[in-house]
C-alpha atoms as a PDB file:
ATOM      1  CA  MET A   1     -61.148  15.817   4.178  1.00  0.00           C
ATOM      2  CA  ASN A   2     -58.412  13.616   3.023  1.00  0.00           C
ATOM      3  CA  ALA A   3     -58.522  10.689   0.580  1.00  0.00           C
ATOM      4  CA  SER A   4     -58.121   8.042   3.215  1.00  0.00           C
ATOM      5  CA  VAL A   5     -61.734   8.239   4.498  1.00  0.00           C
ATOM      6  CA  ARG A   6     -64.773   6.128   3.832  1.00  0.00           C
ATOM      7  CA  GLY A   7     -68.299   7.564   4.166  1.00  0.00           C
ATOM      8  CA  PRO A   8     -70.491   9.372   4.710  1.00  0.00           C
ATOM      9  CA  PHE A   9     -72.256   6.795   6.820  1.00  0.00           C
ATOM     10  CA  PHE A  10     -75.765   7.555   8.084  1.00  0.00           C
ATOM     11  CA  ALA A  11     -78.389   5.493   9.815  1.00  0.00           C
ATOM     12  CA  THR A  12     -81.299   4.706   7.550  1.00  0.00           C
ATOM     13  CA  TYR A  13     -83.533   7.181   9.438  1.00  0.00           C
ATOM     14  CA  PHE A  14     -81.170  10.102   8.514  1.00  0.00           C
ATOM     15  CA  ASP A  15     -83.121  12.398   6.153  1.00  0.00           C
ATOM     16  CA  ASP A  16     -80.559  13.429   3.572  1.00  0.00           C
ATOM     17  CA  GLU A  17     -83.272  15.302   1.703  1.00  0.00           C
ATOM     18  CA  LEU A  18     -83.331  17.858   4.530  1.00  0.00           C
ATOM     19  CA  MET A  19     -79.649  17.943   5.534  1.00  0.00           C
ATOM     20  CA  TRP A  20     -76.311  17.705   3.698  1.00  0.00           C
ATOM     21  CA  TRP A  21     -73.604  15.463   5.200  1.00  0.00           C
ATOM     22  CA  PHE A  22     -71.368  18.483   6.030  1.00  0.00           C
ATOM     23  CA  THR A  23     -74.166  20.025   8.114  1.00  0.00           C
ATOM     24  CA  VAL A  24     -73.490  17.366  10.719  1.00  0.00           C
ATOM     25  CA  PHE A  25     -70.151  19.063  11.310  1.00  0.00           C
ATOM     26  CA  THR A  26     -70.860  22.745  10.597  1.00  0.00           C
ATOM     27  CA  LYS A  27     -73.911  22.886  12.903  1.00  0.00           C
ATOM     28  CA  ARG A  28     -71.559  22.302  15.802  1.00  0.00           C
ATOM     29  CA  LEU A  29     -69.615  25.424  15.074  1.00  0.00           C
ATOM     30  CA  ASN A  30     -70.668  28.432  17.278  1.00  0.00           C
ATOM     31  CA  ASP A  31     -69.320  31.314  19.275  1.00  0.00           C
ATOM     32  CA  GLU A  32     -67.250  28.908  21.405  1.00  0.00           C
ATOM     33  CA  ILE A  33     -66.450  25.939  19.138  1.00  0.00           C
ATOM     34  CA  LYS A  34     -64.192  26.820  16.163  1.00  0.00           C
ATOM     35  CA  LEU A  35     -62.833  23.358  15.022  1.00  0.00           C
ATOM     36  CA  VAL A  36     -64.940  20.191  14.499  1.00  0.00           C
ATOM     37  CA  GLY A  37     -64.080  16.679  13.140  1.00  0.00           C
ATOM     38  CA  SER A  38     -65.312  13.146  13.395  1.00  0.00           C
ATOM     39  CA  THR A  39     -62.899  12.223  16.210  1.00  0.00           C
ATOM     40  CA  ILE A  40     -60.833  13.829  18.980  1.00  0.00           C
ATOM     41  CA  SER A  41     -57.607  12.204  20.210  1.00  0.00           C
ATOM     42  CA  CYS A  42     -55.965  12.656  23.573  1.00  0.00           C
ATOM     43  CA  GLU A  43     -52.667  11.300  22.411  1.00  0.00           C
ATOM     44  CA  TYR A  44     -49.850  13.750  22.968  1.00  0.00           C
ATOM     45  CA  LYS A  45     -52.198  16.720  23.257  1.00  0.00           C
ATOM     46  CA  LEU A  46     -55.931  17.034  22.968  1.00  0.00           C
ATOM     47  CA  HIS A  47     -56.742  17.530  19.250  1.00  0.00           C
ATOM     48  CA  VAL A  48     -59.288  16.940  16.482  1.00  0.00           C
ATOM     49  CA  GLN A  49     -57.967  14.282  14.134  1.00  0.00           C
ATOM     50  CA  SER A  50     -57.357  15.964  10.832  1.00  0.00           C
ATOM     51  CA  TYR A  51     -58.777  13.469   8.332  1.00  0.00           C
ATOM     52  CA  LEU A  52     -61.862  15.631   8.323  1.00  0.00           C
ATOM     53  CA  LEU A  53     -62.010  19.173   9.693  1.00  0.00           C
ATOM     54  CA  ALA A  54     -64.671  21.886   9.618  1.00  0.00           C
ATOM     55  CA  THR A  55     -64.229  25.487  10.842  1.00  0.00           C
ATOM     56  CA  ASP A  56     -65.726  28.894  10.372  1.00  0.00           C
ATOM     57  CA  GLN A  57     -64.269  32.279   9.379  1.00  0.00           C
ATOM     58  CA  VAL A  58     -62.951  32.947  12.897  1.00  0.00           C
ATOM     59  CA  GLY A  59     -61.324  29.541  13.032  1.00  0.00           C
ATOM     60  CA  LEU A  60     -59.885  29.908   9.598  1.00  0.00           C
ATOM     61  CA  SER A  61     -58.341  33.230  10.440  1.00  0.00           C
ATOM     62  CA  ILE A  62     -56.647  31.680  13.462  1.00  0.00           C
ATOM     63  CA  LEU A  63     -55.303  28.763  11.417  1.00  0.00           C
ATOM     64  CA  THR A  64     -54.042  31.019   8.564  1.00  0.00           C
ATOM     65  CA  ASP A  65     -52.516  33.732  10.744  1.00  0.00           C
ATOM     66  CA  ASP A  66     -49.025  34.795   9.633  1.00  0.00           C
ATOM     67  CA  LYS A  67     -47.539  33.313  12.814  1.00  0.00           C
ATOM     68  CA  SER A  68     -49.327  29.956  12.323  1.00  0.00           C
ATOM     69  CA  GLU A  69     -47.345  27.098  10.747  1.00  0.00           C
ATOM     70  CA  VAL A  70     -50.346  24.731  10.427  1.00  0.00           C
ATOM     71  CA  PHE A  71     -50.475  24.978   6.590  1.00  0.00           C
ATOM     72  CA  ASN A  72     -46.736  25.190   5.893  1.00  0.00           C
ATOM     73  CA  CYS A  73     -45.122  22.227   4.076  1.00  0.00           C
ATOM     74  CA  LYS A  74     -44.077  19.549   6.537  1.00  0.00           C
ATOM     75  CA  LYS A  75     -40.797  17.682   6.380  1.00  0.00           C
ATOM     76  CA  ASP A  76     -42.163  14.263   7.434  1.00  0.00           C
ATOM     77  CA  TYR A  77     -45.127  12.512   8.998  1.00  0.00           C
ATOM     78  CA  ASP A  78     -44.278  13.359  12.575  1.00  0.00           C
ATOM     79  CA  ASP A  79     -43.963  17.046  11.637  1.00  0.00           C
ATOM     80  CA  ALA A  80     -47.375  16.865   9.955  1.00  0.00           C
ATOM     81  CA  VAL A  81     -48.988  15.269  12.994  1.00  0.00           C
ATOM     82  CA  PHE A  82     -47.418  17.518  15.643  1.00  0.00           C
ATOM     83  CA  ASN A  83     -47.345  20.866  13.885  1.00  0.00           C
ATOM     84  CA  GLY A  84     -50.271  20.330  11.521  1.00  0.00           C
ATOM     85  CA  GLU A  85     -52.924  18.153  13.071  1.00  0.00           C
ATOM     86  CA  ILE A  86     -52.145  18.742  16.731  1.00  0.00           C
ATOM     87  CA  GLY A  87     -51.006  22.342  16.032  1.00  0.00           C
ATOM     88  CA  ALA A  88     -54.348  23.268  14.490  1.00  0.00           C
ATOM     89  CA  SER A  89     -56.310  22.260  17.584  1.00  0.00           C
ATOM     90  CA  GLN A  90     -53.757  23.829  19.873  1.00  0.00           C
ATOM     91  CA  LEU A  91     -54.069  27.147  18.075  1.00  0.00           C
ATOM     92  CA  ILE A  92     -57.825  27.128  18.463  1.00  0.00           C
ATOM     93  CA  LEU A  93     -57.545  26.184  22.132  1.00  0.00           C
ATOM     94  CA  HIS A  94     -54.873  28.818  22.830  1.00  0.00           C
ATOM     95  CA  ALA A  95     -57.088  31.441  21.245  1.00  0.00           C
ATOM     96  CA  ASN A  96     -59.647  30.601  23.958  1.00  0.00           C
ATOM     97  CA  TYR A  97     -62.022  28.640  21.739  1.00  0.00           C
ATOM     98  CA  GLN A  98     -63.057  24.983  21.879  1.00  0.00           C
ATOM     99  CA  ILE A  99     -62.791  21.960  19.619  1.00  0.00           C
ATOM    100  CA  ALA A 100     -65.471  19.268  19.178  1.00  0.00           C
ATOM    101  CA  SER A 101     -66.187  15.977  17.524  1.00  0.00           C
ATOM    102  CA  LEU A 102     -69.134  13.769  16.625  1.00  0.00           C
ATOM    103  CA  GLN A 103     -68.110  11.155  19.256  1.00  0.00           C
ATOM    104  CA  THR A 104     -70.915  10.546  21.718  1.00  0.00           C
ATOM    105  CA  LYS A 105     -68.257  10.112  24.415  1.00  0.00           C
ATOM    106  CA  TYR A 106     -67.023  13.673  24.029  1.00  0.00           C
ATOM    107  CA  GLN A 107     -70.278  15.621  23.995  1.00  0.00           C
ATOM    108  CA  ASP A 108     -69.382  16.756  27.514  1.00  0.00           C
ATOM    109  CA  ASN A 109     -65.919  17.727  28.776  1.00  0.00           C
ATOM    110  CA  ASP A 110     -64.784  14.291  29.870  1.00  0.00           C
ATOM    111  CA  LYS A 111     -62.062  13.234  27.365  1.00  0.00           C
ATOM    112  CA  ALA A 112     -61.171   9.869  29.007  1.00  0.00           C
ATOM    113  CA  ILE A 113     -60.685   6.833  26.819  1.00  0.00           C
ATOM    114  CA  ASP A 114     -62.936   3.832  27.538  1.00  0.00           C
ATOM    115  CA  GLY A 115     -61.223   1.351  25.204  1.00  0.00           C
ATOM    116  CA  ILE A 116     -64.250   0.610  22.974  1.00  0.00           C
ATOM    117  CA  SER A 117     -64.521   0.790  19.269  1.00  0.00           C
ATOM    118  CA  HIS A 118     -66.547   3.505  17.481  1.00  0.00           C
ATOM    119  CA  ASP A 119     -69.248   2.872  15.013  1.00  0.00           C
ATOM    120  CA  PRO A 120     -69.208   4.383  11.493  1.00  0.00           C
ATOM    121  CA  TYR A 121     -72.763   5.784  12.015  1.00  0.00           C
ATOM    122  CA  GLU A 122     -71.461   7.803  15.037  1.00  0.00           C
ATOM    123  CA  LEU A 123     -68.513   9.313  13.056  1.00  0.00           C
ATOM    124  CA  VAL A 124     -70.105   9.724   9.602  1.00  0.00           C
ATOM    125  CA  PHE A 125     -66.581   9.403   7.996  1.00  0.00           C
ATOM    126  CA  VAL A 126     -63.988   6.819   8.956  1.00  0.00           C
ATOM    127  CA  LYS A 127     -60.278   6.906   8.395  1.00  0.00           C
ATOM    128  CA  TYR A 128     -59.558   3.944   6.247  1.00  0.00           C
ATOM    129  CA  LYS A 129     -56.061   2.756   5.370  1.00  0.00           C
ATOM    130  CA  GLY A 130     -56.761  -0.029   2.855  1.00  0.00           C
ATOM    131  CA  LEU A 131     -57.887  -3.589   2.162  1.00  0.00           C
ATOM    132  CA  PRO A 132     -57.782  -6.559   4.661  1.00  0.00           C
ATOM    133  CA  PRO A 133     -56.123  -7.309   6.957  1.00  0.00           C
ATOM    134  CA  PHE A 134     -57.579  -4.279   8.763  1.00  0.00           C
ATOM    135  CA  ASP A 135     -55.843  -2.408  11.497  1.00  0.00           C
ATOM    136  CA  THR A 136     -59.003  -1.785  13.558  1.00  0.00           C
ATOM    137  CA  ASP A 137     -62.529  -3.011  14.115  1.00  0.00           C
ATOM    138  CA  LEU A 138     -63.679   0.384  12.893  1.00  0.00           C
ATOM    139  CA  GLU A 139     -61.985  -0.166   9.528  1.00  0.00           C
ATOM    140  CA  ARG A 140     -63.663  -3.608   9.324  1.00  0.00           C
ATOM    141  CA  ARG A 141     -67.001  -2.076  10.007  1.00  0.00           C
ATOM    142  CA  ALA A 142     -66.556   0.692   7.491  1.00  0.00           C
ATOM    143  CA  PHE A 143     -65.574  -1.944   4.834  1.00  0.00           C
ATOM    144  CA  VAL A 144     -68.712  -3.928   5.602  1.00  0.00           C
ATOM    145  CA  TYR A 145     -70.970  -0.827   5.708  1.00  0.00           C
ATOM    146  CA  GLN A 146     -69.517   0.459   2.493  1.00  0.00           C
ATOM    147  CA  LYS A 147     -70.238  -2.995   0.875  1.00  0.00           C
ATOM    148  CA  TRP A 148     -73.846  -2.854   2.058  1.00  0.00           C
ATOM    149  CA  LEU A 149     -74.260   0.612   0.629  1.00  0.00           C
ATOM    150  CA  ASP A 150     -72.746  -0.451  -2.700  1.00  0.00           C
ATOM    151  CA  GLU A 151     -75.203  -3.424  -2.847  1.00  0.00           C
ATOM    152  CA  ARG A 152     -78.290  -1.215  -2.459  1.00  0.00           C
ATOM    153  CA  PRO A 153     -79.548  -0.355  -5.972  1.00  0.00           C
ATOM    154  CA  GLN A 154     -81.707   2.630  -4.793  1.00  0.00           C
ATOM    155  CA  ILE A 155     -78.629   4.226  -3.233  1.00  0.00           C
ATOM    156  CA  LYS A 156     -76.632   3.899  -6.556  1.00  0.00           C
ATOM    157  CA  GLU A 157     -79.504   5.484  -8.474  1.00  0.00           C
ATOM    158  CA  LYS A 158     -79.833   8.318  -5.941  1.00  0.00           C
ATOM    159  CA  ILE A 159     -76.091   8.984  -5.911  1.00  0.00           C
ATOM    160  CA  SER A 160     -75.871   9.008  -9.784  1.00  0.00           C
ATOM    161  CA  ILE A 161     -78.844  11.423  -9.902  1.00  0.00           C
ATOM    162  CA  THR A 162     -77.243  13.714  -7.362  1.00  0.00           C
ATOM    163  CA  ILE A 163     -73.896  13.759  -9.257  1.00  0.00           C
ATOM    164  CA  LYS A 164     -75.389  14.752 -12.609  1.00  0.00           C
END
């Protein structure tokens, strides 16, 4: 997870007493799926966007193999995207495993883009670049949802109790 995200966002009916936020990601890992994140992008090549990634031991061994350059230092942003973010998913796919996301749209194999905005509750974590003006409707929603969470006193108390 990188520092540019907001969340976790869960609907009020989510029982955080029974399940930790990361379980939403790790429970999708199985014998076929070895890399999971909030979102998948079809831009350039199919890949899990790297602002939040989850994998298991098999996936980690693929990503950290001596021939892999996923975790090497990158010379610039484009290098990080193409050889880091996209490269990680491509390594998993080339090893005959699958990638997955939380997006409702991609729970089957159709990766087409429908041109609609996501909801923070669908993705749990949202990539967030800063204060207004926002780049996307999703960032605006994340900002408002975070404000709502911050205004709920019982949430603040629960968070402070959990942190102690």
